[in-house]
């Protein structure tokens, strides 16, 4: 699991602990805690700048669904909350069947997490904290399901709206994003690359809304990202070849030493 996933586990534990105390709060405070918890978890689950607005809207809708269902079906309410929290992540599925599986897993994990947290409510502090930890891990199960990266999905969705050369450029940007995801970059370089993808998505979104042709800057950014992806992939191949050469040299050296040892015994 990534660092963001572990951060989600921590945030889910805090949210579950806070949601378990709603009955002791006033209506305004309870609603505020629910909205903040749901929106915060949705933004963490989404994991990117593109479509972050949709993620926040999903989180707010999850808070509304939770408040509506909690008095009647508290376990199902937590399941609905996680369905909305992982909504934008589930949107990145490649098929309707995969989308349904993502949402179903989110609902089941929410119900299981709520059951564990509720079953140990009011017990001693140590046991309750263990229960919250287990519940937060259960609530984070949808993180284990594969999903497209937020930036790649945003570019792919823009490509489905575009036509002509812009569509081709955006598909190339999607390919570049996938290649860069498979290589290890330093943190400053990774930040610059992510910023470039975010700026590209915003510019293309603006051009599509105004029905404009792709600006030269968009074309230049895509070409530059493709060159960065090719350079990063070439670097990894060269390093891998160097490692392979080291391993082959070590193997040949061991074989030679074994042969020398055998000849010395015969002598």
C-alpha atoms as a PDB file:
ATOM      1  CA  UNK A   1       0.000   0.000   0.000  1.00  0.00           C
ATOM      2  CA  UNK A   2       1.151   3.531  -0.776  1.00  0.00           C
ATOM      3  CA  UNK A   3       1.832   6.255   1.756  1.00  0.00           C
ATOM      4  CA  UNK A   4      -1.507   7.871   0.868  1.00  0.00           C
ATOM      5  CA  UNK A   5      -3.261   4.568   1.569  1.00  0.00           C
ATOM      6  CA  UNK A   6      -1.749   4.378   5.059  1.00  0.00           C
ATOM      7  CA  UNK A   7      -2.757   7.987   5.612  1.00  0.00           C
ATOM      8  CA  UNK A   8      -6.281   6.958   4.652  1.00  0.00           C
ATOM      9  CA  UNK A   9      -6.160   4.147   7.235  1.00  0.00           C
ATOM     10  CA  UNK A  10      -5.229   6.680   9.921  1.00  0.00           C
ATOM     11  CA  UNK A  11      -7.915   9.131   8.782  1.00  0.00           C
ATOM     12  CA  UNK A  12     -10.506   6.331   8.637  1.00  0.00           C
ATOM     13  CA  UNK A  13      -9.719   5.404  12.241  1.00  0.00           C
ATOM     14  CA  UNK A  14     -10.160   9.003  13.382  1.00  0.00           C
ATOM     15  CA  UNK A  15     -13.379   9.318  11.371  1.00  0.00           C
ATOM     16  CA  UNK A  16     -14.851   6.090  12.765  1.00  0.00           C
ATOM     17  CA  UNK A  17     -13.998   7.163  16.308  1.00  0.00           C
ATOM     18  CA  UNK A  18     -15.639  10.550  15.708  1.00  0.00           C
ATOM     19  CA  UNK A  19     -18.718   9.106  14.010  1.00  0.00           C
ATOM     20  CA  UNK A  20     -19.234   6.792  16.961  1.00  0.00           C
ATOM     21  CA  UNK A  21     -19.698   9.834  19.224  1.00  0.00           C
ATOM     22  CA  UNK A  22     -22.358  11.628  17.137  1.00  0.00           C
ATOM     23  CA  UNK A  23     -25.178  10.844  19.557  1.00  0.00           C
ATOM     24  CA  UNK A  24     -23.362  12.801  22.273  1.00  0.00           C
ATOM     25  CA  UNK A  25     -23.092  15.897  20.054  1.00  0.00           C
ATOM     26  CA  UNK A  26     -25.646  18.458  19.047  1.00  0.00           C
ATOM     27  CA  UNK A  27     -27.248  18.377  15.575  1.00  0.00           C
ATOM     28  CA  UNK A  28     -24.994  21.056  14.102  1.00  0.00           C
ATOM     29  CA  UNK A  29     -21.791  19.559  15.525  1.00  0.00           C
ATOM     30  CA  UNK A  30     -22.810  16.046  14.442  1.00  0.00           C
ATOM     31  CA  UNK A  31     -23.522  17.206  10.884  1.00  0.00           C
ATOM     32  CA  UNK A  32     -20.227  19.082  10.741  1.00  0.00           C
ATOM     33  CA  UNK A  33     -18.256  16.051  11.918  1.00  0.00           C
ATOM     34  CA  UNK A  34     -20.016  13.829   9.372  1.00  0.00           C
ATOM     35  CA  UNK A  35     -19.417  16.180   6.446  1.00  0.00           C
ATOM     36  CA  UNK A  36     -15.778  16.844   7.331  1.00  0.00           C
ATOM     37  CA  UNK A  37     -15.071  13.141   7.817  1.00  0.00           C
ATOM     38  CA  UNK A  38     -16.761  12.100   4.592  1.00  0.00           C
ATOM     39  CA  UNK A  39     -15.263  14.843   2.399  1.00  0.00           C
ATOM     40  CA  UNK A  40     -11.785  14.362   3.863  1.00  0.00           C
ATOM     41  CA  UNK A  41     -11.874  10.598   3.296  1.00  0.00           C
ATOM     42  CA  UNK A  42     -13.223  11.075  -0.243  1.00  0.00           C
ATOM     43  CA  UNK A  43     -10.379  13.441  -1.152  1.00  0.00           C
ATOM     44  CA  UNK A  44      -7.811  11.022   0.266  1.00  0.00           C
ATOM     45  CA  UNK A  45      -9.378   8.073  -1.537  1.00  0.00           C
ATOM     46  CA  UNK A  46      -9.412  10.025  -4.797  1.00  0.00           C
ATOM     47  CA  UNK A  47      -5.730  10.825  -4.552  1.00  0.00           C
ATOM     48  CA  UNK A  48      -5.200  13.595  -7.087  1.00  0.00           C
ATOM     49  CA  UNK A  49      -5.897  17.164  -8.106  1.00  0.00           C
ATOM     50  CA  UNK A  50      -7.960  16.287 -11.221  1.00  0.00           C
ATOM     51  CA  UNK A  51     -11.610  15.593 -10.352  1.00  0.00           C
ATOM     52  CA  UNK A  52     -11.010  16.676  -6.745  1.00  0.00           C
ATOM     53  CA  UNK A  53     -14.188  18.776  -6.971  1.00  0.00           C
ATOM     54  CA  UNK A  54     -16.185  15.683  -7.899  1.00  0.00           C
ATOM     55  CA  UNK A  55     -14.553  13.816  -5.000  1.00  0.00           C
ATOM     56  CA  UNK A  56     -15.584  16.541  -2.542  1.00  0.00           C
ATOM     57  CA  UNK A  57     -19.140  16.453  -3.923  1.00  0.00           C
ATOM     58  CA  UNK A  58     -19.176  12.669  -3.529  1.00  0.00           C
ATOM     59  CA  UNK A  59     -18.032  13.033   0.070  1.00  0.00           C
ATOM     60  CA  UNK A  60     -20.773  15.561   0.842  1.00  0.00           C
ATOM     61  CA  UNK A  61     -23.360  13.248  -0.741  1.00  0.00           C
ATOM     62  CA  UNK A  62     -22.024  10.390   1.375  1.00  0.00           C
ATOM     63  CA  UNK A  63     -22.472  12.472   4.514  1.00  0.00           C
ATOM     64  CA  UNK A  64     -26.068  13.189   3.526  1.00  0.00           C
ATOM     65  CA  UNK A  65     -26.759   9.509   2.844  1.00  0.00           C
ATOM     66  CA  UNK A  66     -25.148   8.556   6.161  1.00  0.00           C
ATOM     67  CA  UNK A  67     -27.247  11.009   8.151  1.00  0.00           C
ATOM     68  CA  UNK A  68     -30.412   9.832   6.396  1.00  0.00           C
ATOM     69  CA  UNK A  69     -29.784   6.116   6.943  1.00  0.00           C
ATOM     70  CA  UNK A  70     -28.127   6.166  10.378  1.00  0.00           C
ATOM     71  CA  UNK A  71     -31.304   6.370  12.511  1.00  0.00           C
ATOM     72  CA  UNK A  72     -32.808   3.367  10.709  1.00  0.00           C
ATOM     73  CA  UNK A  73     -29.878   1.210   9.533  1.00  0.00           C
ATOM     74  CA  UNK A  74     -26.619   2.305  11.185  1.00  0.00           C
ATOM     75  CA  UNK A  75     -24.527  -0.491   9.662  1.00  0.00           C
ATOM     76  CA  UNK A  76     -25.858   0.124   6.159  1.00  0.00           C
ATOM     77  CA  UNK A  77     -25.293   3.849   6.681  1.00  0.00           C
ATOM     78  CA  UNK A  78     -21.548   3.291   7.036  1.00  0.00           C
ATOM     79  CA  UNK A  79     -21.606   1.136   3.921  1.00  0.00           C
ATOM     80  CA  UNK A  80     -23.309   3.920   1.969  1.00  0.00           C
ATOM     81  CA  UNK A  81     -20.798   6.410   3.309  1.00  0.00           C
ATOM     82  CA  UNK A  82     -17.868   4.393   1.970  1.00  0.00           C
ATOM     83  CA  UNK A  83     -19.611   3.863  -1.373  1.00  0.00           C
ATOM     84  CA  UNK A  84     -19.571   7.630  -1.860  1.00  0.00           C
ATOM     85  CA  UNK A  85     -16.092   8.020  -0.346  1.00  0.00           C
ATOM     86  CA  UNK A  86     -14.654   5.619  -2.936  1.00  0.00           C
ATOM     87  CA  UNK A  87     -17.002   6.861  -5.657  1.00  0.00           C
ATOM     88  CA  UNK A  88     -14.440   8.669  -7.809  1.00  0.00           C
ATOM     89  CA  UNK A  89     -11.954   5.828  -7.353  1.00  0.00           C
ATOM     90  CA  UNK A  90     -14.605   3.367  -8.526  1.00  0.00           C
ATOM     91  CA  UNK A  91     -15.325   5.626 -11.516  1.00  0.00           C
ATOM     92  CA  UNK A  92     -11.837   4.851 -12.770  1.00  0.00           C
ATOM     93  CA  UNK A  93     -12.781   1.196 -13.319  1.00  0.00           C
ATOM     94  CA  UNK A  94     -12.450  -0.137 -16.875  1.00  0.00           C
ATOM     95  CA  UNK A  95     -15.854  -1.864 -17.077  1.00  0.00           C
ATOM     96  CA  UNK A  96     -19.324  -1.799 -15.520  1.00  0.00           C
ATOM     97  CA  UNK A  97     -18.638  -5.125 -13.827  1.00  0.00           C
ATOM     98  CA  UNK A  98     -15.457  -3.774 -12.261  1.00  0.00           C
ATOM     99  CA  UNK A  99     -17.328  -0.629 -11.195  1.00  0.00           C
ATOM    100  CA  UNK A 100     -20.020  -2.729  -9.479  1.00  0.00           C
ATOM    101  CA  UNK A 101     -17.333  -4.797  -7.748  1.00  0.00           C
ATOM    102  CA  UNK A 102     -15.597  -1.647  -6.459  1.00  0.00           C
ATOM    103  CA  UNK A 103     -18.836  -0.220  -5.063  1.00  0.00           C
ATOM    104  CA  UNK A 104     -19.877  -3.562  -3.568  1.00  0.00           C
ATOM    105  CA  UNK A 105     -16.517  -3.969  -1.858  1.00  0.00           C
ATOM    106  CA  UNK A 106     -16.774  -0.444  -0.448  1.00  0.00           C
ATOM    107  CA  UNK A 107     -20.265  -1.129   0.930  1.00  0.00           C
ATOM    108  CA  UNK A 108     -19.290  -4.452   2.532  1.00  0.00           C
ATOM    109  CA  UNK A 109     -16.104  -3.027   4.040  1.00  0.00           C
ATOM    110  CA  UNK A 110     -18.081  -0.093   5.469  1.00  0.00           C
ATOM    111  CA  UNK A 111     -20.628  -2.422   7.060  1.00  0.00           C
ATOM    112  CA  UNK A 112     -17.874  -4.639   8.516  1.00  0.00           C
ATOM    113  CA  UNK A 113     -15.938  -1.662   9.870  1.00  0.00           C
ATOM    114  CA  UNK A 114     -19.041  -0.178  11.462  1.00  0.00           C
ATOM    115  CA  UNK A 115     -19.965  -3.521  13.047  1.00  0.00           C
ATOM    116  CA  UNK A 116     -16.520  -3.912  14.633  1.00  0.00           C
ATOM    117  CA  UNK A 117     -16.510  -0.335  15.927  1.00  0.00           C
ATOM    118  CA  UNK A 118     -20.077  -0.536  17.295  1.00  0.00           C
ATOM    119  CA  UNK A 119     -19.528  -3.935  18.925  1.00  0.00           C
ATOM    120  CA  UNK A 120     -16.721  -2.551  21.085  1.00  0.00           C
ATOM    121  CA  UNK A 121     -18.220   0.841  21.816  1.00  0.00           C
ATOM    122  CA  UNK A 122     -18.041   1.716  25.533  1.00  0.00           C
ATOM    123  CA  UNK A 123     -15.417  -0.892  26.412  1.00  0.00           C
ATOM    124  CA  UNK A 124     -12.062  -0.156  28.008  1.00  0.00           C
ATOM    125  CA  UNK A 125      -9.792   2.226  26.130  1.00  0.00           C
ATOM    126  CA  UNK A 126      -7.187  -0.318  25.003  1.00  0.00           C
ATOM    127  CA  UNK A 127      -9.722  -2.742  23.565  1.00  0.00           C
ATOM    128  CA  UNK A 128     -11.666   0.078  21.942  1.00  0.00           C
ATOM    129  CA  UNK A 129      -8.523   1.419  20.224  1.00  0.00           C
ATOM    130  CA  UNK A 130      -7.726  -2.046  18.890  1.00  0.00           C
ATOM    131  CA  UNK A 131     -11.273  -2.290  17.555  1.00  0.00           C
ATOM    132  CA  UNK A 132     -10.979   1.120  15.865  1.00  0.00           C
ATOM    133  CA  UNK A 133      -7.688   0.058  14.270  1.00  0.00           C
ATOM    134  CA  UNK A 134      -9.249  -3.135  12.934  1.00  0.00           C
ATOM    135  CA  UNK A 135     -12.268  -1.175  11.711  1.00  0.00           C
ATOM    136  CA  UNK A 136     -10.071   1.366   9.904  1.00  0.00           C
ATOM    137  CA  UNK A 137      -8.207  -1.454   8.149  1.00  0.00           C
ATOM    138  CA  UNK A 138     -11.521  -2.996   7.094  1.00  0.00           C
ATOM    139  CA  UNK A 139     -12.714   0.376   5.808  1.00  0.00           C
ATOM    140  CA  UNK A 140      -9.529   0.635   3.711  1.00  0.00           C
ATOM    141  CA  UNK A 141     -10.025  -2.663   1.865  1.00  0.00           C
ATOM    142  CA  UNK A 142     -11.127  -0.912  -1.392  1.00  0.00           C
ATOM    143  CA  UNK A 143      -7.606   0.532  -1.602  1.00  0.00           C
ATOM    144  CA  UNK A 144      -6.426  -2.986  -2.496  1.00  0.00           C
ATOM    145  CA  UNK A 145      -8.553  -3.024  -5.653  1.00  0.00           C
ATOM    146  CA  UNK A 146      -6.773  -1.887  -8.834  1.00  0.00           C
ATOM    147  CA  UNK A 147      -7.856   1.440 -10.330  1.00  0.00           C
ATOM    148  CA  UNK A 148      -6.465   3.883 -12.835  1.00  0.00           C
ATOM    149  CA  UNK A 149      -4.523   6.838 -11.455  1.00  0.00           C
ATOM    150  CA  UNK A 150      -6.553  10.014 -11.061  1.00  0.00           C
ATOM    151  CA  UNK A 151      -4.449  12.022 -13.515  1.00  0.00           C
ATOM    152  CA  UNK A 152      -4.455   9.300 -16.151  1.00  0.00           C
ATOM    153  CA  UNK A 153      -8.211   8.878 -15.840  1.00  0.00           C
ATOM    154  CA  UNK A 154      -8.794  12.628 -16.134  1.00  0.00           C
ATOM    155  CA  UNK A 155      -6.753  12.763 -19.329  1.00  0.00           C
ATOM    156  CA  UNK A 156      -8.507   9.683 -20.724  1.00  0.00           C
ATOM    157  CA  UNK A 157     -11.895  11.248 -20.020  1.00  0.00           C
ATOM    158  CA  UNK A 158     -10.833  14.456 -21.745  1.00  0.00           C
ATOM    159  CA  UNK A 159      -9.623  12.401 -24.721  1.00  0.00           C
ATOM    160  CA  UNK A 160     -13.078  10.839 -25.038  1.00  0.00           C
ATOM    161  CA  UNK A 161     -14.522  14.357 -25.450  1.00  0.00           C
ATOM    162  CA  UNK A 162     -11.871  15.612 -27.865  1.00  0.00           C
ATOM    163  CA  UNK A 163     -11.639  15.093 -31.595  1.00  0.00           C
ATOM    164  CA  UNK A 164      -8.896  15.076 -34.184  1.00  0.00           C
ATOM    165  CA  UNK A 165      -5.276  15.906 -33.299  1.00  0.00           C
ATOM    166  CA  UNK A 166      -6.174  16.908 -29.741  1.00  0.00           C
ATOM    167  CA  UNK A 167      -7.582  13.458 -29.050  1.00  0.00           C
ATOM    168  CA  UNK A 168      -4.385  11.841 -30.330  1.00  0.00           C
ATOM    169  CA  UNK A 169      -2.260  14.150 -28.182  1.00  0.00           C
ATOM    170  CA  UNK A 170      -4.270  13.383 -25.071  1.00  0.00           C
ATOM    171  CA  UNK A 171      -4.024   9.639 -25.664  1.00  0.00           C
ATOM    172  CA  UNK A 172      -0.268  10.087 -25.962  1.00  0.00           C
ATOM    173  CA  UNK A 173      -0.333  11.946 -22.651  1.00  0.00           C
ATOM    174  CA  UNK A 174      -2.201   8.994 -21.100  1.00  0.00           C
ATOM    175  CA  UNK A 175       0.505   6.660 -22.398  1.00  0.00           C
ATOM    176  CA  UNK A 176       3.227   8.953 -21.015  1.00  0.00           C
ATOM    177  CA  UNK A 177       1.512   9.005 -17.609  1.00  0.00           C
ATOM    178  CA  UNK A 178       1.361   5.211 -17.536  1.00  0.00           C
ATOM    179  CA  UNK A 179       5.037   4.905 -18.453  1.00  0.00           C
ATOM    180  CA  UNK A 180       6.097   7.417 -15.817  1.00  0.00           C
ATOM    181  CA  UNK A 181       4.072   5.539 -13.210  1.00  0.00           C
ATOM    182  CA  UNK A 182       6.225   2.452 -13.865  1.00  0.00           C
ATOM    183  CA  UNK A 183       9.561   4.183 -13.255  1.00  0.00           C
ATOM    184  CA  UNK A 184      11.054   5.595 -10.081  1.00  0.00           C
ATOM    185  CA  UNK A 185      11.596   9.346 -10.086  1.00  0.00           C
ATOM    186  CA  UNK A 186      13.088  11.583  -7.459  1.00  0.00           C
ATOM    187  CA  UNK A 187      10.580  13.503  -5.384  1.00  0.00           C
ATOM    188  CA  UNK A 188      11.284  16.952  -6.948  1.00  0.00           C
ATOM    189  CA  UNK A 189      11.029  15.513 -10.460  1.00  0.00           C
ATOM    190  CA  UNK A 190       7.835  13.644  -9.559  1.00  0.00           C
ATOM    191  CA  UNK A 191       6.274  16.854  -8.253  1.00  0.00           C
ATOM    192  CA  UNK A 192       7.168  18.714 -11.437  1.00  0.00           C
ATOM    193  CA  UNK A 193       5.753  15.931 -13.603  1.00  0.00           C
ATOM    194  CA  UNK A 194       2.518  15.804 -11.602  1.00  0.00           C
ATOM    195  CA  UNK A 195       2.198  19.584 -11.828  1.00  0.00           C
ATOM    196  CA  UNK A 196       2.680  19.416 -15.591  1.00  0.00           C
ATOM    197  CA  UNK A 197      -0.075  16.808 -15.967  1.00  0.00           C
ATOM    198  CA  UNK A 198      -2.429  18.866 -13.790  1.00  0.00           C
ATOM    199  CA  UNK A 199      -1.780  22.039 -15.775  1.00  0.00           C
ATOM    200  CA  UNK A 200      -2.281  20.162 -19.031  1.00  0.00           C
ATOM    201  CA  UNK A 201      -5.654  18.812 -17.884  1.00  0.00           C
ATOM    202  CA  UNK A 202      -6.804  22.281 -16.812  1.00  0.00           C
ATOM    203  CA  UNK A 203      -5.754  23.887 -20.091  1.00  0.00           C
ATOM    204  CA  UNK A 204      -7.427  21.223 -22.206  1.00  0.00           C
ATOM    205  CA  UNK A 205     -10.589  21.417 -20.105  1.00  0.00           C
ATOM    206  CA  UNK A 206     -10.663  25.161 -20.694  1.00  0.00           C
ATOM    207  CA  UNK A 207     -10.105  24.762 -24.440  1.00  0.00           C
ATOM    208  CA  UNK A 208     -12.845  22.144 -24.726  1.00  0.00           C
ATOM    209  CA  UNK A 209     -15.322  24.298 -22.849  1.00  0.00           C
ATOM    210  CA  UNK A 210     -14.591  27.229 -25.172  1.00  0.00           C
ATOM    211  CA  UNK A 211     -14.495  24.957 -28.235  1.00  0.00           C
ATOM    212  CA  UNK A 212     -11.000  26.160 -29.054  1.00  0.00           C
ATOM    213  CA  UNK A 213      -8.234  24.357 -30.885  1.00  0.00           C
ATOM    214  CA  UNK A 214      -5.444  22.969 -28.672  1.00  0.00           C
ATOM    215  CA  UNK A 215      -3.017  25.718 -27.784  1.00  0.00           C
ATOM    216  CA  UNK A 216       0.648  25.333 -28.799  1.00  0.00           C
ATOM    217  CA  UNK A 217       1.563  25.164 -25.124  1.00  0.00           C
ATOM    218  CA  UNK A 218      -0.585  22.031 -24.660  1.00  0.00           C
ATOM    219  CA  UNK A 219       1.094  20.359 -27.635  1.00  0.00           C
ATOM    220  CA  UNK A 220       4.535  21.291 -26.301  1.00  0.00           C
ATOM    221  CA  UNK A 221       3.728  19.970 -22.805  1.00  0.00           C
ATOM    222  CA  UNK A 222       2.556  16.599 -24.171  1.00  0.00           C
ATOM    223  CA  UNK A 223       5.670  16.254 -26.324  1.00  0.00           C
ATOM    224  CA  UNK A 224       7.879  17.152 -23.375  1.00  0.00           C
ATOM    225  CA  UNK A 225       6.149  14.637 -21.096  1.00  0.00           C
ATOM    226  CA  UNK A 226       6.611  11.932 -23.722  1.00  0.00           C
ATOM    227  CA  UNK A 227      10.327  12.742 -23.903  1.00  0.00           C
ATOM    228  CA  UNK A 228      10.573  12.597 -20.110  1.00  0.00           C
ATOM    229  CA  UNK A 229       8.808   9.215 -20.094  1.00  0.00           C
ATOM    230  CA  UNK A 230      11.136   7.820 -22.766  1.00  0.00           C
ATOM    231  CA  UNK A 231      14.210   9.137 -20.954  1.00  0.00           C
ATOM    232  CA  UNK A 232      13.072   7.690 -17.619  1.00  0.00           C
ATOM    233  CA  UNK A 233      12.314   4.311 -19.192  1.00  0.00           C
ATOM    234  CA  UNK A 234      15.707   4.280 -20.945  1.00  0.00           C
ATOM    235  CA  UNK A 235      17.452   5.103 -17.668  1.00  0.00           C
ATOM    236  CA  UNK A 236      15.713   2.177 -15.951  1.00  0.00           C
ATOM    237  CA  UNK A 237      16.621  -0.194 -18.803  1.00  0.00           C
ATOM    238  CA  UNK A 238      20.278   0.858 -18.649  1.00  0.00           C
ATOM    239  CA  UNK A 239      20.371   0.392 -14.877  1.00  0.00           C
ATOM    240  CA  UNK A 240      18.704  -3.002 -15.199  1.00  0.00           C
ATOM    241  CA  UNK A 241      21.220  -4.040 -17.837  1.00  0.00           C
ATOM    242  CA  UNK A 242      24.022  -2.939 -15.528  1.00  0.00           C
ATOM    243  CA  UNK A 243      22.586  -5.078 -12.731  1.00  0.00           C
ATOM    244  CA  UNK A 244      22.214  -8.008 -15.117  1.00  0.00           C
ATOM    245  CA  UNK A 245      25.849  -7.608 -16.205  1.00  0.00           C
ATOM    246  CA  UNK A 246      26.966  -7.598 -12.572  1.00  0.00           C
ATOM    247  CA  UNK A 247      24.979 -10.776 -11.906  1.00  0.00           C
ATOM    248  CA  UNK A 248      26.348 -12.520 -15.008  1.00  0.00           C
ATOM    249  CA  UNK A 249      29.935 -11.550 -14.086  1.00  0.00           C
ATOM    250  CA  UNK A 250      29.437 -12.850 -10.572  1.00  0.00           C
ATOM    251  CA  UNK A 251      28.019 -16.109 -11.936  1.00  0.00           C
ATOM    252  CA  UNK A 252      30.935 -16.578 -14.324  1.00  0.00           C
ATOM    253  CA  UNK A 253      33.406 -15.823 -11.521  1.00  0.00           C
ATOM    254  CA  UNK A 254      31.797 -18.434  -9.245  1.00  0.00           C
ATOM    255  CA  UNK A 255      31.854 -21.012 -12.032  1.00  0.00           C
ATOM    256  CA  UNK A 256      35.517 -20.309 -12.731  1.00  0.00           C
ATOM    257  CA  UNK A 257      36.448 -20.603  -9.061  1.00  0.00           C
ATOM    258  CA  UNK A 258      34.589 -23.911  -8.818  1.00  0.00           C
ATOM    259  CA  UNK A 259      36.421 -25.211 -11.878  1.00  0.00           C
ATOM    260  CA  UNK A 260      39.803 -24.132 -10.458  1.00  0.00           C
ATOM    261  CA  UNK A 261      38.960 -25.837  -7.179  1.00  0.00           C
ATOM    262  CA  UNK A 262      38.061 -29.022  -9.003  1.00  0.00           C
ATOM    263  CA  UNK A 263      41.303 -29.005 -11.018  1.00  0.00           C
ATOM    264  CA  UNK A 264      43.353 -28.418  -7.876  1.00  0.00           C
ATOM    265  CA  UNK A 265      41.771 -31.462  -6.244  1.00  0.00           C
ATOM    266  CA  UNK A 266      42.594 -33.590  -9.290  1.00  0.00           C
ATOM    267  CA  UNK A 267      46.176 -32.373  -9.250  1.00  0.00           C
END
